[in-house]
Amino acid sequence: MNKLDYRQEIAAALRRELGGSHQAIKASMNWTGASERTAKNWLAGTHGPTGEHLIELMRHSDEVAETVLALCGRSDVCISLELACLRTALVRMLTTADEIMGTET
């Protein structure tokens, strides 16, 4: 892993999550408190977020969080998180179906 790969991977993750518009820059700024120039650099891949900014991006962006975990060889954690989310959604759907059908679980 080198700095260029890191910067490009984070930029790609942000673009997947937010697109490439000015709204993407604004969202990154709102999430992190970073300046417009800094957010533009992240999206362009010329600079990568560090420290608190990276944590805030991971807090708000599943794409960034998954990318960081993959970059450090922890893709297994991503799979566990996805399974937990799927399970929660499935339980919610089954509860709703039972309520609609009037059956008790």
C-alpha atoms as a PDB file:
ATOM      1  CA  MET A   1       0.000   0.000   0.000  1.00  0.00           C
ATOM      2  CA  ASN A   2       1.394   3.347  -0.972  1.00  0.00           C
ATOM      3  CA  LYS A   3       0.097   6.892  -0.557  1.00  0.00           C
ATOM      4  CA  LEU A   4      -1.096   7.143  -4.157  1.00  0.00           C
ATOM      5  CA  ASP A   5      -3.154   3.938  -3.871  1.00  0.00           C
ATOM      6  CA  TYR A   6      -4.639   5.134  -0.571  1.00  0.00           C
ATOM      7  CA  ARG A   7      -5.610   8.529  -1.989  1.00  0.00           C
ATOM      8  CA  GLN A   8      -7.130   7.019  -5.119  1.00  0.00           C
ATOM      9  CA  GLU A   9      -9.060   4.346  -3.203  1.00  0.00           C
ATOM     10  CA  ILE A  10     -10.560   6.897  -0.798  1.00  0.00           C
ATOM     11  CA  ALA A  11     -11.446   9.205  -3.699  1.00  0.00           C
ATOM     12  CA  ALA A  12     -13.164   6.333  -5.517  1.00  0.00           C
ATOM     13  CA  ALA A  13     -15.090   5.392  -2.372  1.00  0.00           C
ATOM     14  CA  LEU A  14     -16.274   8.974  -1.885  1.00  0.00           C
ATOM     15  CA  ARG A  15     -17.361   9.213  -5.510  1.00  0.00           C
ATOM     16  CA  ARG A  16     -19.276   5.904  -5.235  1.00  0.00           C
ATOM     17  CA  GLU A  17     -21.037   7.189  -2.133  1.00  0.00           C
ATOM     18  CA  LEU A  18     -21.592  10.809  -3.121  1.00  0.00           C
ATOM     19  CA  GLY A  19     -21.011  11.156  -6.851  1.00  0.00           C
ATOM     20  CA  GLY A  20     -18.690  13.743  -8.313  1.00  0.00           C
ATOM     21  CA  SER A  21     -20.784  16.884  -8.051  1.00  0.00           C
ATOM     22  CA  HIS A  22     -20.411  19.966  -5.891  1.00  0.00           C
ATOM     23  CA  GLN A  23     -22.903  18.313  -3.516  1.00  0.00           C
ATOM     24  CA  ALA A  24     -20.287  15.629  -2.858  1.00  0.00           C
ATOM     25  CA  ILE A  25     -17.819  18.306  -1.790  1.00  0.00           C
ATOM     26  CA  LYS A  26     -20.411  19.916   0.471  1.00  0.00           C
ATOM     27  CA  ALA A  27     -21.342  16.588   2.059  1.00  0.00           C
ATOM     28  CA  SER A  28     -17.677  15.792   2.765  1.00  0.00           C
ATOM     29  CA  MET A  29     -17.245  19.238   4.290  1.00  0.00           C
ATOM     30  CA  ASN A  30     -20.344  18.842   6.461  1.00  0.00           C
ATOM     31  CA  TRP A  31     -19.314  15.399   7.657  1.00  0.00           C
ATOM     32  CA  THR A  32     -15.771  16.408   8.602  1.00  0.00           C
ATOM     33  CA  GLY A  33     -15.600  20.164   9.108  1.00  0.00           C
ATOM     34  CA  ALA A  34     -12.893  20.288   6.422  1.00  0.00           C
ATOM     35  CA  SER A  35     -12.449  23.186   4.032  1.00  0.00           C
ATOM     36  CA  GLU A  36     -13.797  23.143   0.480  1.00  0.00           C
ATOM     37  CA  ARG A  37     -10.292  22.874  -0.935  1.00  0.00           C
ATOM     38  CA  THR A  38      -9.514  19.885   1.285  1.00  0.00           C
ATOM     39  CA  ALA A  39     -12.721  18.082   0.295  1.00  0.00           C
ATOM     40  CA  LYS A  40     -12.006  18.769  -3.397  1.00  0.00           C
ATOM     41  CA  ASN A  41      -8.528  17.285  -2.988  1.00  0.00           C
ATOM     42  CA  TRP A  42      -9.985  14.129  -1.406  1.00  0.00           C
ATOM     43  CA  LEU A  43     -12.462  13.666  -4.241  1.00  0.00           C
ATOM     44  CA  ALA A  44      -9.758  14.300  -6.842  1.00  0.00           C
ATOM     45  CA  GLY A  45      -7.420  11.828  -5.146  1.00  0.00           C
ATOM     46  CA  THR A  46      -4.582  14.352  -4.862  1.00  0.00           C
ATOM     47  CA  HIS A  47      -4.626  14.162  -1.057  1.00  0.00           C
ATOM     48  CA  GLY A  48      -6.103  11.664   1.361  1.00  0.00           C
ATOM     49  CA  PRO A  49      -7.878  12.322   4.642  1.00  0.00           C
ATOM     50  CA  THR A  50      -5.956  11.723   7.842  1.00  0.00           C
ATOM     51  CA  GLY A  51      -6.820  11.250  11.480  1.00  0.00           C
ATOM     52  CA  GLU A  52     -10.097  12.747  12.602  1.00  0.00           C
ATOM     53  CA  HIS A  53     -11.221  13.468   9.046  1.00  0.00           C
ATOM     54  CA  LEU A  54     -10.839   9.830   8.047  1.00  0.00           C
ATOM     55  CA  ILE A  55     -12.771   8.709  11.120  1.00  0.00           C
ATOM     56  CA  GLU A  56     -15.605  11.133  10.343  1.00  0.00           C
ATOM     57  CA  LEU A  57     -15.723   9.993   6.719  1.00  0.00           C
ATOM     58  CA  MET A  58     -15.904   6.372   7.885  1.00  0.00           C
ATOM     59  CA  ARG A  59     -18.659   7.282  10.344  1.00  0.00           C
ATOM     60  CA  HIS A  60     -20.827   8.735   7.575  1.00  0.00           C
ATOM     61  CA  SER A  61     -19.825   6.674   4.536  1.00  0.00           C
ATOM     62  CA  ASP A  62     -20.160   2.904   4.340  1.00  0.00           C
ATOM     63  CA  GLU A  63     -18.107   3.007   1.137  1.00  0.00           C
ATOM     64  CA  VAL A  64     -15.177   4.724   2.864  1.00  0.00           C
ATOM     65  CA  ALA A  65     -15.417   2.439   5.897  1.00  0.00           C
ATOM     66  CA  GLU A  66     -15.424  -0.686   3.723  1.00  0.00           C
ATOM     67  CA  THR A  67     -12.545   0.640   1.625  1.00  0.00           C
ATOM     68  CA  VAL A  68     -10.392   1.329   4.685  1.00  0.00           C
ATOM     69  CA  LEU A  69     -11.120  -2.114   6.114  1.00  0.00           C
ATOM     70  CA  ALA A  70     -10.289  -3.729   2.763  1.00  0.00           C
ATOM     71  CA  LEU A  71      -7.048  -1.732   2.485  1.00  0.00           C
ATOM     72  CA  CYS A  72      -5.888  -3.089   5.841  1.00  0.00           C
ATOM     73  CA  GLY A  73      -6.839  -6.643   4.952  1.00  0.00           C
ATOM     74  CA  ARG A  74      -9.995  -6.812   7.079  1.00  0.00           C
ATOM     75  CA  SER A  75     -12.631  -7.585   4.447  1.00  0.00           C
ATOM     76  CA  ASP A  76     -14.000 -10.202   6.857  1.00  0.00           C
ATOM     77  CA  VAL A  77     -15.209  -7.378   9.085  1.00  0.00           C
ATOM     78  CA  CYS A  78     -17.135  -5.889   6.138  1.00  0.00           C
ATOM     79  CA  ILE A  79     -18.879  -9.200   5.549  1.00  0.00           C
ATOM     80  CA  SER A  80     -19.828  -9.472   9.229  1.00  0.00           C
ATOM     81  CA  LEU A  81     -21.253  -5.946   9.194  1.00  0.00           C
ATOM     82  CA  GLU A  82     -23.253  -6.639   6.041  1.00  0.00           C
ATOM     83  CA  LEU A  83     -24.681  -9.828   7.530  1.00  0.00           C
ATOM     84  CA  ALA A  84     -25.710  -7.984  10.693  1.00  0.00           C
ATOM     85  CA  CYS A  85     -27.460  -5.304   8.619  1.00  0.00           C
ATOM     86  CA  LEU A  86     -29.208  -7.934   6.502  1.00  0.00           C
ATOM     87  CA  ARG A  87     -30.373  -9.780   9.601  1.00  0.00           C
ATOM     88  CA  THR A  88     -31.786  -6.591  11.114  1.00  0.00           C
ATOM     89  CA  ALA A  89     -33.618  -5.778   7.878  1.00  0.00           C
ATOM     90  CA  LEU A  90     -35.000  -9.313   7.643  1.00  0.00           C
ATOM     91  CA  VAL A  91     -36.292  -9.247  11.222  1.00  0.00           C
ATOM     92  CA  ARG A  92     -37.942  -5.879  10.545  1.00  0.00           C
ATOM     93  CA  MET A  93     -39.580  -7.207   7.364  1.00  0.00           C
ATOM     94  CA  LEU A  94     -40.860 -10.356   9.086  1.00  0.00           C
ATOM     95  CA  THR A  95     -42.265  -8.327  11.972  1.00  0.00           C
ATOM     96  CA  THR A  96     -44.073  -6.057   9.516  1.00  0.00           C
ATOM     97  CA  ALA A  97     -45.403  -9.057   7.586  1.00  0.00           C
ATOM     98  CA  ASP A  98     -46.707 -10.613  10.811  1.00  0.00           C
ATOM     99  CA  GLU A  99     -48.426  -7.344  11.761  1.00  0.00           C
ATOM    100  CA  ILE A 100     -50.060  -7.060   8.350  1.00  0.00           C
ATOM    101  CA  MET A 101     -51.181 -10.674   8.385  1.00  0.00           C
ATOM    102  CA  GLY A 102     -52.320 -10.437  12.004  1.00  0.00           C
ATOM    103  CA  THR A 103     -50.270 -13.397  13.165  1.00  0.00           C
ATOM    104  CA  GLU A 104     -48.229 -13.637  16.300  1.00  0.00           C
ATOM    105  CA  THR A 105     -44.645 -14.908  16.334  1.00  0.00           C
END
